[in-house]
N, C-alpha and C. Protein backbone atom coordinates (compact mmCIF):
# COMPACT_ATOMS: atom_id res chain seq x y z
N MET A 1 -15.42 39.61 -3.04
CA MET A 1 -15.11 39.43 -1.64
C MET A 1 -14.23 40.58 -1.19
N SER A 2 -14.58 41.11 -0.08
CA SER A 2 -13.88 42.28 0.44
C SER A 2 -12.53 41.91 1.02
N GLY A 3 -11.56 42.76 0.75
CA GLY A 3 -10.22 42.54 1.28
C GLY A 3 -10.10 42.96 2.73
N THR A 4 -11.15 43.59 3.28
CA THR A 4 -11.10 44.06 4.65
C THR A 4 -11.58 43.04 5.66
N GLU A 5 -12.23 42.00 5.20
CA GLU A 5 -12.71 40.97 6.10
C GLU A 5 -11.60 39.98 6.41
N PRO A 6 -11.60 39.44 7.63
CA PRO A 6 -10.59 38.43 7.97
C PRO A 6 -10.72 37.20 7.07
N PHE A 7 -9.60 36.54 6.83
CA PHE A 7 -9.56 35.36 5.97
C PHE A 7 -10.56 34.30 6.42
N ASP A 8 -10.65 34.04 7.72
CA ASP A 8 -11.57 33.01 8.22
C ASP A 8 -13.01 33.30 7.83
N VAL A 9 -13.42 34.55 7.89
CA VAL A 9 -14.79 34.93 7.54
C VAL A 9 -15.01 34.73 6.03
N LEU A 10 -14.05 35.19 5.24
CA LEU A 10 -14.13 35.00 3.79
C LEU A 10 -14.16 33.52 3.42
N PHE A 11 -13.32 32.75 4.10
CA PHE A 11 -13.24 31.32 3.83
C PHE A 11 -14.58 30.64 4.12
N ARG A 12 -15.17 30.93 5.27
CA ARG A 12 -16.46 30.30 5.62
C ARG A 12 -17.54 30.67 4.61
N ARG A 13 -17.57 31.93 4.20
CA ARG A 13 -18.56 32.37 3.23
C ARG A 13 -18.33 31.66 1.89
N LEU A 14 -17.09 31.60 1.46
CA LEU A 14 -16.77 30.94 0.20
C LEU A 14 -17.15 29.46 0.27
N PHE A 15 -16.85 28.81 1.37
CA PHE A 15 -17.19 27.40 1.51
C PHE A 15 -18.70 27.21 1.36
N ASP A 16 -19.48 28.03 2.07
CA ASP A 16 -20.93 27.91 2.00
C ASP A 16 -21.47 28.17 0.60
N GLU A 17 -20.85 29.12 -0.11
CA GLU A 17 -21.33 29.49 -1.44
C GLU A 17 -20.85 28.53 -2.53
N GLN A 18 -19.62 28.05 -2.45
CA GLN A 18 -19.01 27.34 -3.56
C GLN A 18 -18.91 25.83 -3.39
N PHE A 19 -18.97 25.32 -2.17
CA PHE A 19 -18.82 23.87 -1.99
C PHE A 19 -19.87 23.09 -2.78
N PRO A 20 -21.16 23.48 -2.74
CA PRO A 20 -22.15 22.68 -3.48
C PRO A 20 -21.85 22.59 -4.98
N SER A 21 -21.44 23.69 -5.58
CA SER A 21 -21.14 23.70 -7.00
C SER A 21 -19.91 22.84 -7.32
N LEU A 22 -18.86 22.96 -6.52
CA LEU A 22 -17.66 22.15 -6.74
C LEU A 22 -17.98 20.67 -6.54
N PHE A 23 -18.76 20.36 -5.52
CA PHE A 23 -19.17 18.97 -5.29
C PHE A 23 -19.95 18.42 -6.49
N ARG A 24 -20.93 19.19 -6.99
CA ARG A 24 -21.74 18.71 -8.14
C ARG A 24 -20.86 18.45 -9.35
N TYR A 25 -19.94 19.37 -9.62
CA TYR A 25 -19.02 19.20 -10.75
C TYR A 25 -18.24 17.89 -10.59
N LEU A 26 -17.65 17.68 -9.43
CA LEU A 26 -16.84 16.49 -9.20
C LEU A 26 -17.69 15.23 -9.21
N HIS A 27 -18.89 15.30 -8.67
CA HIS A 27 -19.77 14.13 -8.65
C HIS A 27 -20.17 13.74 -10.06
N ARG A 28 -20.51 14.74 -10.87
CA ARG A 28 -20.87 14.44 -12.26
C ARG A 28 -19.67 13.91 -13.04
N LEU A 29 -18.51 14.41 -12.71
CA LEU A 29 -17.30 13.99 -13.41
C LEU A 29 -16.92 12.56 -13.05
N THR A 30 -17.06 12.19 -11.77
CA THR A 30 -16.59 10.89 -11.30
C THR A 30 -17.69 9.85 -11.16
N GLY A 31 -18.92 10.28 -10.90
CA GLY A 31 -20.00 9.34 -10.62
C GLY A 31 -19.91 8.76 -9.22
N ASP A 32 -19.06 9.30 -8.39
CA ASP A 32 -18.81 8.77 -7.04
C ASP A 32 -18.98 9.91 -6.04
N ALA A 33 -20.11 9.92 -5.33
CA ALA A 33 -20.42 11.01 -4.40
C ALA A 33 -19.39 11.10 -3.27
N ASP A 34 -18.96 9.97 -2.76
CA ASP A 34 -17.97 9.99 -1.66
C ASP A 34 -16.65 10.59 -2.13
N LEU A 35 -16.20 10.18 -3.30
CA LEU A 35 -14.96 10.72 -3.84
C LEU A 35 -15.11 12.21 -4.12
N ALA A 36 -16.23 12.60 -4.70
CA ALA A 36 -16.46 14.02 -5.00
C ALA A 36 -16.43 14.86 -3.73
N GLU A 37 -17.05 14.37 -2.69
CA GLU A 37 -17.05 15.09 -1.42
C GLU A 37 -15.64 15.18 -0.84
N ASP A 38 -14.90 14.08 -0.89
CA ASP A 38 -13.53 14.08 -0.38
C ASP A 38 -12.65 15.07 -1.14
N ILE A 39 -12.74 15.06 -2.45
CA ILE A 39 -11.90 15.94 -3.27
C ILE A 39 -12.30 17.40 -3.04
N ALA A 40 -13.59 17.69 -3.00
CA ALA A 40 -14.04 19.07 -2.77
C ALA A 40 -13.57 19.56 -1.40
N GLN A 41 -13.69 18.71 -0.38
CA GLN A 41 -13.23 19.11 0.95
C GLN A 41 -11.72 19.33 0.96
N GLU A 42 -10.99 18.46 0.29
CA GLU A 42 -9.54 18.59 0.26
C GLU A 42 -9.13 19.87 -0.47
N ALA A 43 -9.87 20.25 -1.51
CA ALA A 43 -9.58 21.51 -2.21
C ALA A 43 -9.75 22.69 -1.26
N PHE A 44 -10.78 22.65 -0.43
CA PHE A 44 -10.99 23.73 0.53
C PHE A 44 -9.93 23.71 1.63
N VAL A 45 -9.47 22.53 2.01
CA VAL A 45 -8.38 22.44 2.98
C VAL A 45 -7.14 23.11 2.39
N LYS A 46 -6.86 22.86 1.12
CA LYS A 46 -5.69 23.48 0.47
C LYS A 46 -5.84 25.01 0.45
N LEU A 47 -7.05 25.49 0.20
CA LEU A 47 -7.27 26.93 0.23
C LEU A 47 -7.02 27.47 1.64
N TYR A 48 -7.53 26.78 2.64
CA TYR A 48 -7.34 27.24 4.01
C TYR A 48 -5.85 27.24 4.37
N GLN A 49 -5.15 26.19 3.96
CA GLN A 49 -3.71 26.13 4.23
C GLN A 49 -2.96 27.23 3.50
N ARG A 50 -3.47 27.62 2.35
CA ARG A 50 -2.86 28.71 1.58
C ARG A 50 -2.91 30.01 2.37
N GLY A 51 -4.03 30.23 3.08
CA GLY A 51 -4.16 31.38 3.97
C GLY A 51 -4.51 32.69 3.28
N ALA A 52 -4.72 32.67 1.99
CA ALA A 52 -5.08 33.88 1.25
C ALA A 52 -5.96 33.49 0.07
N MET A 53 -6.83 34.42 -0.29
CA MET A 53 -7.73 34.16 -1.41
C MET A 53 -7.03 34.45 -2.73
N PRO A 54 -7.10 33.51 -3.68
CA PRO A 54 -6.53 33.76 -5.01
C PRO A 54 -7.40 34.77 -5.77
N ASP A 55 -6.84 35.38 -6.79
CA ASP A 55 -7.59 36.37 -7.58
C ASP A 55 -8.77 35.74 -8.30
N ASP A 56 -8.57 34.58 -8.89
CA ASP A 56 -9.62 33.88 -9.62
C ASP A 56 -10.04 32.67 -8.79
N MET A 57 -10.93 32.92 -7.83
CA MET A 57 -11.28 31.91 -6.84
C MET A 57 -11.81 30.62 -7.47
N ARG A 58 -12.84 30.72 -8.30
CA ARG A 58 -13.45 29.50 -8.85
C ARG A 58 -12.48 28.79 -9.79
N GLY A 59 -11.73 29.54 -10.57
CA GLY A 59 -10.74 28.92 -11.44
C GLY A 59 -9.68 28.19 -10.63
N TRP A 60 -9.23 28.82 -9.56
CA TRP A 60 -8.21 28.22 -8.69
C TRP A 60 -8.76 26.95 -8.06
N MET A 61 -9.98 27.02 -7.54
CA MET A 61 -10.59 25.84 -6.90
C MET A 61 -10.77 24.72 -7.92
N GLY A 62 -11.21 25.07 -9.13
CA GLY A 62 -11.38 24.05 -10.17
C GLY A 62 -10.05 23.40 -10.52
N ALA A 63 -9.00 24.20 -10.63
CA ALA A 63 -7.68 23.65 -10.96
C ALA A 63 -7.17 22.74 -9.84
N VAL A 64 -7.34 23.17 -8.60
CA VAL A 64 -6.90 22.35 -7.47
C VAL A 64 -7.69 21.04 -7.43
N ALA A 65 -9.01 21.13 -7.62
CA ALA A 65 -9.84 19.92 -7.60
C ALA A 65 -9.44 18.97 -8.73
N ASN A 66 -9.19 19.51 -9.92
CA ASN A 66 -8.77 18.66 -11.04
C ASN A 66 -7.43 18.00 -10.75
N ASN A 67 -6.50 18.73 -10.14
CA ASN A 67 -5.20 18.15 -9.79
C ASN A 67 -5.35 17.06 -8.74
N LEU A 68 -6.19 17.30 -7.74
CA LEU A 68 -6.42 16.29 -6.71
C LEU A 68 -7.05 15.04 -7.31
N LEU A 69 -7.97 15.24 -8.22
CA LEU A 69 -8.62 14.11 -8.88
C LEU A 69 -7.62 13.33 -9.73
N ARG A 70 -6.78 14.04 -10.45
CA ARG A 70 -5.74 13.39 -11.25
C ARG A 70 -4.81 12.57 -10.36
N ASP A 71 -4.43 13.15 -9.23
CA ASP A 71 -3.57 12.43 -8.29
C ASP A 71 -4.26 11.18 -7.76
N ASP A 72 -5.54 11.30 -7.49
CA ASP A 72 -6.29 10.15 -6.98
C ASP A 72 -6.38 9.05 -8.04
N LYS A 73 -6.55 9.45 -9.29
CA LYS A 73 -6.63 8.46 -10.38
C LYS A 73 -5.33 7.68 -10.52
N ARG A 74 -4.24 8.36 -10.24
CA ARG A 74 -2.94 7.69 -10.35
C ARG A 74 -2.80 6.58 -9.31
N THR A 75 -3.46 6.71 -8.19
CA THR A 75 -3.26 5.75 -7.11
C THR A 75 -4.39 4.74 -6.96
N SER A 76 -5.51 4.94 -7.69
CA SER A 76 -6.64 4.04 -7.47
C SER A 76 -7.53 3.90 -8.69
N LYS A 77 -8.03 2.72 -8.92
CA LYS A 77 -9.00 2.46 -9.98
C LYS A 77 -10.38 2.21 -9.36
N ARG A 78 -10.51 2.50 -8.09
CA ARG A 78 -11.71 2.22 -7.33
C ARG A 78 -12.97 2.85 -7.95
N ARG A 79 -12.87 4.08 -8.43
CA ARG A 79 -14.04 4.77 -8.95
C ARG A 79 -14.66 4.06 -10.14
N LEU A 80 -13.83 3.51 -11.00
CA LEU A 80 -14.37 2.83 -12.16
C LEU A 80 -15.21 1.63 -11.76
N ARG A 81 -14.74 0.89 -10.77
CA ARG A 81 -15.52 -0.25 -10.28
C ARG A 81 -16.82 0.23 -9.64
N LEU A 82 -16.77 1.30 -8.88
CA LEU A 82 -17.98 1.82 -8.24
C LEU A 82 -18.98 2.32 -9.27
N LEU A 83 -18.52 3.02 -10.28
CA LEU A 83 -19.41 3.55 -11.30
C LEU A 83 -20.09 2.42 -12.06
N ALA A 84 -19.34 1.38 -12.36
CA ALA A 84 -19.89 0.26 -13.11
C ALA A 84 -20.90 -0.54 -12.30
N SER A 85 -20.77 -0.54 -10.99
CA SER A 85 -21.66 -1.35 -10.15
C SER A 85 -22.45 -0.50 -9.18
N GLN A 86 -22.81 0.70 -9.57
CA GLN A 86 -23.50 1.62 -8.68
C GLN A 86 -24.95 1.20 -8.48
N PRO A 87 -25.23 0.41 -7.42
CA PRO A 87 -26.61 0.01 -7.19
C PRO A 87 -27.38 1.14 -6.52
N GLU A 88 -28.56 1.39 -7.04
CA GLU A 88 -29.41 2.40 -6.44
C GLU A 88 -30.80 1.82 -6.31
N ASP A 89 -31.35 1.90 -5.12
CA ASP A 89 -32.70 1.43 -4.90
C ASP A 89 -33.63 2.63 -5.06
N VAL A 90 -34.04 2.87 -6.29
CA VAL A 90 -34.86 4.04 -6.58
C VAL A 90 -36.33 3.80 -6.27
N THR A 91 -36.73 2.56 -6.04
CA THR A 91 -38.14 2.27 -5.86
C THR A 91 -38.54 2.16 -4.40
N ALA A 92 -37.60 2.23 -3.48
CA ALA A 92 -37.94 2.07 -2.06
C ALA A 92 -38.92 3.16 -1.64
N GLY A 93 -40.07 2.73 -1.15
CA GLY A 93 -41.06 3.66 -0.64
C GLY A 93 -41.80 4.43 -1.72
N SER A 94 -41.70 4.03 -2.97
CA SER A 94 -42.33 4.75 -4.06
C SER A 94 -43.54 3.98 -4.56
N SER A 95 -44.49 4.74 -5.06
CA SER A 95 -45.60 4.09 -5.73
C SER A 95 -45.12 3.68 -7.12
N PRO A 96 -45.83 2.76 -7.80
CA PRO A 96 -45.37 2.28 -9.10
C PRO A 96 -45.15 3.39 -10.13
N GLU A 97 -46.05 4.41 -10.17
CA GLU A 97 -45.85 5.45 -11.19
C GLU A 97 -44.60 6.28 -10.89
N PHE A 98 -44.28 6.52 -9.61
CA PHE A 98 -43.06 7.25 -9.27
C PHE A 98 -41.83 6.38 -9.52
N ALA A 99 -41.99 5.08 -9.32
CA ALA A 99 -40.87 4.17 -9.59
C ALA A 99 -40.52 4.19 -11.08
N ASP A 100 -41.55 4.21 -11.94
CA ASP A 100 -41.31 4.29 -13.38
C ASP A 100 -40.58 5.58 -13.74
N GLU A 101 -41.02 6.69 -13.16
CA GLU A 101 -40.36 7.97 -13.41
C GLU A 101 -38.92 7.93 -12.92
N ALA A 102 -38.70 7.34 -11.77
CA ALA A 102 -37.34 7.26 -11.23
C ALA A 102 -36.44 6.40 -12.13
N VAL A 103 -36.99 5.31 -12.64
CA VAL A 103 -36.21 4.44 -13.53
C VAL A 103 -35.85 5.20 -14.81
N LEU A 104 -36.83 5.92 -15.38
CA LEU A 104 -36.56 6.70 -16.58
C LEU A 104 -35.51 7.78 -16.30
N SER A 105 -35.63 8.43 -15.16
CA SER A 105 -34.65 9.45 -14.78
C SER A 105 -33.26 8.84 -14.63
N ASP A 106 -33.20 7.67 -14.00
CA ASP A 106 -31.92 6.97 -13.85
C ASP A 106 -31.34 6.58 -15.21
N GLU A 107 -32.21 6.13 -16.11
CA GLU A 107 -31.75 5.74 -17.45
C GLU A 107 -31.18 6.95 -18.19
N ARG A 108 -31.87 8.10 -18.06
CA ARG A 108 -31.36 9.32 -18.70
C ARG A 108 -30.03 9.73 -18.10
N ARG A 109 -29.93 9.69 -16.78
CA ARG A 109 -28.69 10.06 -16.11
C ARG A 109 -27.57 9.12 -16.53
N ASP A 110 -27.86 7.83 -16.57
CA ASP A 110 -26.84 6.86 -16.97
C ASP A 110 -26.42 7.08 -18.43
N ALA A 111 -27.39 7.41 -19.29
CA ALA A 111 -27.06 7.66 -20.70
C ALA A 111 -26.18 8.91 -20.83
N VAL A 112 -26.50 9.95 -20.07
CA VAL A 112 -25.68 11.17 -20.10
C VAL A 112 -24.29 10.86 -19.57
N ARG A 113 -24.22 10.12 -18.47
CA ARG A 113 -22.91 9.76 -17.92
C ARG A 113 -22.10 8.92 -18.92
N ALA A 114 -22.79 7.99 -19.61
CA ALA A 114 -22.09 7.16 -20.60
C ALA A 114 -21.61 8.02 -21.77
N ALA A 115 -22.44 8.96 -22.22
CA ALA A 115 -22.02 9.85 -23.32
C ALA A 115 -20.84 10.71 -22.89
N LEU A 116 -20.89 11.25 -21.67
CA LEU A 116 -19.76 12.03 -21.16
C LEU A 116 -18.51 11.16 -21.07
N GLY A 117 -18.69 9.90 -20.70
CA GLY A 117 -17.56 8.99 -20.57
C GLY A 117 -16.86 8.70 -21.89
N ARG A 118 -17.57 8.90 -23.01
CA ARG A 118 -16.97 8.68 -24.32
C ARG A 118 -16.18 9.90 -24.81
N LEU A 119 -16.29 11.00 -24.10
CA LEU A 119 -15.58 12.22 -24.49
C LEU A 119 -14.17 12.23 -23.90
N PRO A 120 -13.27 12.96 -24.53
CA PRO A 120 -11.96 13.16 -23.90
C PRO A 120 -12.14 13.87 -22.56
N GLU A 121 -11.24 13.60 -21.63
CA GLU A 121 -11.36 14.13 -20.28
C GLU A 121 -11.50 15.65 -20.26
N ARG A 122 -10.72 16.36 -21.07
CA ARG A 122 -10.80 17.83 -21.06
C ARG A 122 -12.19 18.29 -21.50
N ASP A 123 -12.77 17.67 -22.52
CA ASP A 123 -14.11 18.04 -22.98
C ASP A 123 -15.14 17.79 -21.89
N ARG A 124 -15.04 16.65 -21.24
CA ARG A 124 -15.96 16.30 -20.16
C ARG A 124 -15.88 17.33 -19.05
N LYS A 125 -14.68 17.66 -18.62
CA LYS A 125 -14.51 18.65 -17.55
C LYS A 125 -15.05 20.01 -17.98
N MET A 126 -14.76 20.39 -19.21
CA MET A 126 -15.19 21.70 -19.71
C MET A 126 -16.72 21.80 -19.69
N LEU A 127 -17.39 20.78 -20.19
CA LEU A 127 -18.86 20.80 -20.22
C LEU A 127 -19.44 20.85 -18.80
N LEU A 128 -18.87 20.07 -17.91
CA LEU A 128 -19.39 20.04 -16.54
C LEU A 128 -19.12 21.35 -15.81
N LEU A 129 -17.97 21.96 -16.01
CA LEU A 129 -17.68 23.25 -15.40
C LEU A 129 -18.64 24.32 -15.94
N ARG A 130 -18.86 24.31 -17.24
CA ARG A 130 -19.77 25.29 -17.83
C ARG A 130 -21.18 25.08 -17.30
N HIS A 131 -21.58 23.82 -17.17
CA HIS A 131 -22.91 23.51 -16.62
C HIS A 131 -23.05 24.04 -15.19
N GLU A 132 -21.95 24.08 -14.46
CA GLU A 132 -21.96 24.61 -13.09
C GLU A 132 -21.86 26.13 -13.05
N GLY A 133 -21.85 26.77 -14.21
CA GLY A 133 -21.87 28.22 -14.25
C GLY A 133 -20.51 28.89 -14.25
N TYR A 134 -19.45 28.13 -14.47
CA TYR A 134 -18.11 28.72 -14.52
C TYR A 134 -18.00 29.61 -15.76
N SER A 135 -17.33 30.73 -15.62
CA SER A 135 -17.09 31.63 -16.75
C SER A 135 -15.98 31.05 -17.63
N TYR A 136 -15.82 31.60 -18.82
CA TYR A 136 -14.74 31.15 -19.70
C TYR A 136 -13.38 31.32 -19.01
N ARG A 137 -13.21 32.43 -18.31
CA ARG A 137 -11.95 32.69 -17.61
C ARG A 137 -11.71 31.63 -16.54
N GLU A 138 -12.75 31.30 -15.78
CA GLU A 138 -12.62 30.29 -14.72
C GLU A 138 -12.35 28.91 -15.31
N ILE A 139 -12.99 28.59 -16.42
CA ILE A 139 -12.75 27.30 -17.08
C ILE A 139 -11.31 27.24 -17.57
N ALA A 140 -10.85 28.32 -18.19
CA ALA A 140 -9.49 28.36 -18.69
C ALA A 140 -8.49 28.13 -17.56
N HIS A 141 -8.70 28.81 -16.44
CA HIS A 141 -7.80 28.65 -15.30
C HIS A 141 -7.86 27.23 -14.74
N ALA A 142 -9.07 26.71 -14.60
CA ALA A 142 -9.24 25.37 -14.01
C ALA A 142 -8.60 24.28 -14.87
N LEU A 143 -8.62 24.47 -16.19
CA LEU A 143 -8.13 23.42 -17.09
C LEU A 143 -6.76 23.73 -17.68
N GLY A 144 -6.21 24.90 -17.36
CA GLY A 144 -4.88 25.24 -17.84
C GLY A 144 -4.83 25.48 -19.35
N ILE A 145 -5.87 26.13 -19.88
CA ILE A 145 -5.91 26.47 -21.30
C ILE A 145 -6.09 27.98 -21.41
N THR A 146 -5.92 28.52 -22.63
CA THR A 146 -6.10 29.95 -22.80
C THR A 146 -7.58 30.30 -22.83
N GLU A 147 -7.90 31.45 -22.28
CA GLU A 147 -9.29 31.89 -22.24
C GLU A 147 -9.86 32.05 -23.65
N THR A 148 -9.04 32.50 -24.59
CA THR A 148 -9.52 32.72 -25.95
C THR A 148 -9.89 31.41 -26.66
N SER A 149 -9.38 30.29 -26.18
CA SER A 149 -9.70 29.01 -26.83
C SER A 149 -10.93 28.34 -26.22
N VAL A 150 -11.41 28.83 -25.08
CA VAL A 150 -12.52 28.16 -24.39
C VAL A 150 -13.77 28.08 -25.26
N GLY A 151 -14.13 29.17 -25.92
CA GLY A 151 -15.36 29.19 -26.72
C GLY A 151 -15.36 28.13 -27.80
N SER A 152 -14.30 28.07 -28.59
CA SER A 152 -14.28 27.09 -29.68
C SER A 152 -14.16 25.67 -29.14
N LEU A 153 -13.38 25.48 -28.08
CA LEU A 153 -13.27 24.14 -27.49
C LEU A 153 -14.60 23.69 -26.89
N LEU A 154 -15.32 24.63 -26.30
CA LEU A 154 -16.63 24.33 -25.72
C LEU A 154 -17.63 23.94 -26.81
N LEU A 155 -17.59 24.63 -27.93
CA LEU A 155 -18.47 24.27 -29.05
C LEU A 155 -18.16 22.87 -29.56
N ARG A 156 -16.89 22.56 -29.71
CA ARG A 156 -16.50 21.22 -30.16
C ARG A 156 -16.92 20.15 -29.15
N ALA A 157 -16.73 20.45 -27.86
CA ALA A 157 -17.11 19.50 -26.81
C ALA A 157 -18.62 19.28 -26.82
N THR A 158 -19.37 20.36 -27.02
CA THR A 158 -20.83 20.25 -27.07
C THR A 158 -21.26 19.40 -28.26
N SER A 159 -20.64 19.62 -29.40
CA SER A 159 -20.96 18.82 -30.59
C SER A 159 -20.62 17.35 -30.37
N ALA A 160 -19.47 17.10 -29.77
CA ALA A 160 -19.07 15.71 -29.49
C ALA A 160 -20.04 15.06 -28.50
N PHE A 161 -20.48 15.82 -27.51
CA PHE A 161 -21.44 15.29 -26.54
C PHE A 161 -22.76 14.98 -27.24
N GLN A 162 -23.23 15.89 -28.08
CA GLN A 162 -24.48 15.65 -28.79
C GLN A 162 -24.40 14.41 -29.66
N ALA A 163 -23.26 14.23 -30.31
CA ALA A 163 -23.08 13.02 -31.12
C ALA A 163 -23.06 11.78 -30.24
N ALA A 164 -22.41 11.87 -29.09
CA ALA A 164 -22.34 10.71 -28.19
C ALA A 164 -23.70 10.38 -27.59
N ILE A 165 -24.47 11.41 -27.23
CA ILE A 165 -25.79 11.17 -26.62
C ILE A 165 -26.77 10.65 -27.67
N THR A 166 -26.63 11.08 -28.90
CA THR A 166 -27.49 10.59 -29.98
C THR A 166 -27.26 9.09 -30.18
N GLY A 167 -26.05 8.66 -29.99
CA GLY A 167 -25.71 7.24 -30.10
C GLY A 167 -26.32 6.40 -28.99
N THR A 168 -26.81 7.05 -27.91
CA THR A 168 -27.39 6.30 -26.80
C THR A 168 -28.89 6.10 -26.97
N GLY A 169 -29.50 6.76 -27.97
CA GLY A 169 -30.92 6.58 -28.18
C GLY A 169 -31.79 7.56 -27.43
N LEU A 170 -31.21 8.57 -26.79
CA LEU A 170 -32.04 9.57 -26.10
C LEU A 170 -32.61 10.56 -27.07
């Protein structure tokens, strides 16, 4: 991002480019689309209030989003109830063969979410950030760990995830 462009222009471009990725990360982490959208928007509000672009934009946004999520967890257990009772009408307007595919897709998603849920929070966040294309440096910044430890921690998290998903029968 160019330092010659006004902050508002840079901010709008960053929002358009990065909001979807931050939202997906938070949605996969929480299982709650409304919460993910709220946290992602609040992270961008904090950036706007900051008035300047940080050097490591994605790492900074990831760290802010993780802090906002942690703060939200301290004040509410709402997400756990929503995740456990997340009703989805996947068959509305679908033919039977598409309904079967949707059910299988939902079962896979639920199994992945359950396997992620069995991992320590840092491992879960690390895997989801990496899945969203974050670099080792950005992951390190977002999670408050050293960049040199990301590779080995990511390998351990991947192994733990594979063990957890194997236990689900996928």
